[in-house]
Amino acid sequence: MSQPEPGRPVPPPAREPQPLSVSTARVVLWGIGAWAIALVVTLAVPALHTGSRDWWPWCSAAGIVLGFLGFSYVRRGRGNAAEAR
């Protein structure tokens, strides 16, 4: 590293970014909502659930079911990283 020029302020050392405080349960609920919207859209547009795309609504339904399983897991306290140190 080179020495700073005289008369120029020295920038403070960079700090590591702190993790955000986010409710994991709320994130899971938003994901379930997104899968629900995807299910409604695939059922409302016939081209998205006919022919070779007949599995698309089932993918959205599986996302909703797995989301609720994940939500119950997080709500019981097993899905947070509070004790992970």
Protein backbone atom coordinates (compact mmCIF):
# COMPACT_ATOMS: atom_id res chain seq x y z
CA MET A 1 0.00 0.00 0.00
CA SER A 2 1.16 3.49 -0.70
CA GLN A 3 1.16 6.31 1.82
CA PRO A 4 -1.73 8.79 1.62
CA GLU A 5 -0.94 12.15 0.11
CA PRO A 6 -0.37 14.95 2.60
CA GLY A 7 -3.45 17.08 3.18
CA ARG A 8 -5.91 14.38 2.06
CA PRO A 9 -8.10 12.77 4.70
CA VAL A 10 -7.55 9.09 5.35
CA PRO A 11 -10.74 7.08 4.78
CA PRO A 12 -11.89 4.96 7.69
CA PRO A 13 -11.28 1.21 7.40
CA ALA A 14 -14.07 -0.74 5.76
CA ARG A 15 -16.41 -2.61 8.12
CA GLU A 16 -18.04 -5.93 7.42
CA PRO A 17 -21.73 -5.62 6.56
CA GLN A 18 -24.10 -6.64 9.33
CA PRO A 19 -26.83 -9.23 8.62
CA LEU A 20 -30.33 -7.91 8.11
CA SER A 21 -32.98 -8.63 10.69
CA VAL A 22 -35.67 -10.38 8.65
CA SER A 23 -38.63 -12.45 9.78
CA THR A 24 -38.10 -15.85 8.16
CA ALA A 25 -41.76 -16.75 8.61
CA ARG A 26 -42.80 -13.63 6.70
CA VAL A 27 -40.44 -14.51 3.83
CA VAL A 28 -41.92 -18.02 3.66
CA LEU A 29 -45.46 -16.56 3.59
CA TRP A 30 -44.50 -14.27 0.71
CA GLY A 31 -43.17 -17.30 -1.15
CA ILE A 32 -46.42 -19.19 -0.57
CA GLY A 33 -48.30 -16.17 -1.89
CA ALA A 34 -46.13 -16.11 -5.00
CA TRP A 35 -46.85 -19.80 -5.64
CA ALA A 36 -50.57 -19.14 -5.14
CA ILE A 37 -50.47 -16.35 -7.73
CA ALA A 38 -48.60 -18.67 -10.10
CA LEU A 39 -51.30 -21.31 -9.61
CA VAL A 40 -54.10 -18.84 -10.36
CA VAL A 41 -52.32 -17.60 -13.48
CA THR A 42 -51.65 -21.11 -14.80
CA LEU A 43 -55.28 -22.10 -14.24
CA ALA A 44 -56.66 -18.86 -15.74
CA VAL A 45 -54.67 -19.11 -18.98
CA PRO A 46 -55.58 -22.33 -20.80
CA ALA A 47 -52.34 -22.39 -22.81
CA LEU A 48 -50.41 -22.73 -19.53
CA HIS A 49 -52.08 -25.95 -18.39
CA THR A 50 -52.88 -27.89 -21.53
CA GLY A 51 -50.81 -30.17 -23.71
CA SER A 52 -47.21 -30.64 -22.67
CA ARG A 53 -47.65 -28.07 -19.89
CA ASP A 54 -50.27 -30.03 -17.98
CA TRP A 55 -47.86 -30.40 -15.04
CA TRP A 56 -47.46 -26.63 -14.42
CA PRO A 57 -50.42 -26.27 -12.01
CA TRP A 58 -49.13 -29.27 -10.05
CA CYS A 59 -45.75 -27.59 -9.70
CA SER A 60 -47.44 -24.52 -8.19
CA ALA A 61 -49.56 -26.71 -5.90
CA ALA A 62 -46.43 -28.53 -4.72
CA GLY A 63 -44.77 -25.17 -4.03
CA ILE A 64 -47.72 -24.15 -1.85
CA VAL A 65 -47.76 -27.44 0.07
CA LEU A 66 -43.99 -27.41 0.61
CA GLY A 67 -44.22 -23.75 1.62
CA PHE A 68 -46.70 -24.58 4.37
CA LEU A 69 -44.47 -27.42 5.54
CA GLY A 70 -41.56 -24.99 5.67
CA PHE A 71 -43.70 -22.42 7.45
CA SER A 72 -44.63 -24.91 10.18
CA TYR A 73 -40.94 -25.83 10.49
CA VAL A 74 -39.91 -22.18 10.87
CA ARG A 75 -42.73 -21.34 13.30
CA ARG A 76 -41.61 -24.12 15.66
CA GLY A 77 -38.21 -22.43 15.86
CA ARG A 78 -36.12 -24.95 13.98
CA GLY A 79 -35.65 -22.83 10.87
CA ASN A 80 -33.95 -19.84 12.44
CA ALA A 81 -30.24 -19.33 12.93
CA ALA A 82 -30.41 -17.68 16.37
CA GLU A 83 -28.33 -20.40 17.99
CA ALA A 84 -25.97 -21.03 15.08
CA ARG A 85 -22.62 -19.67 16.23
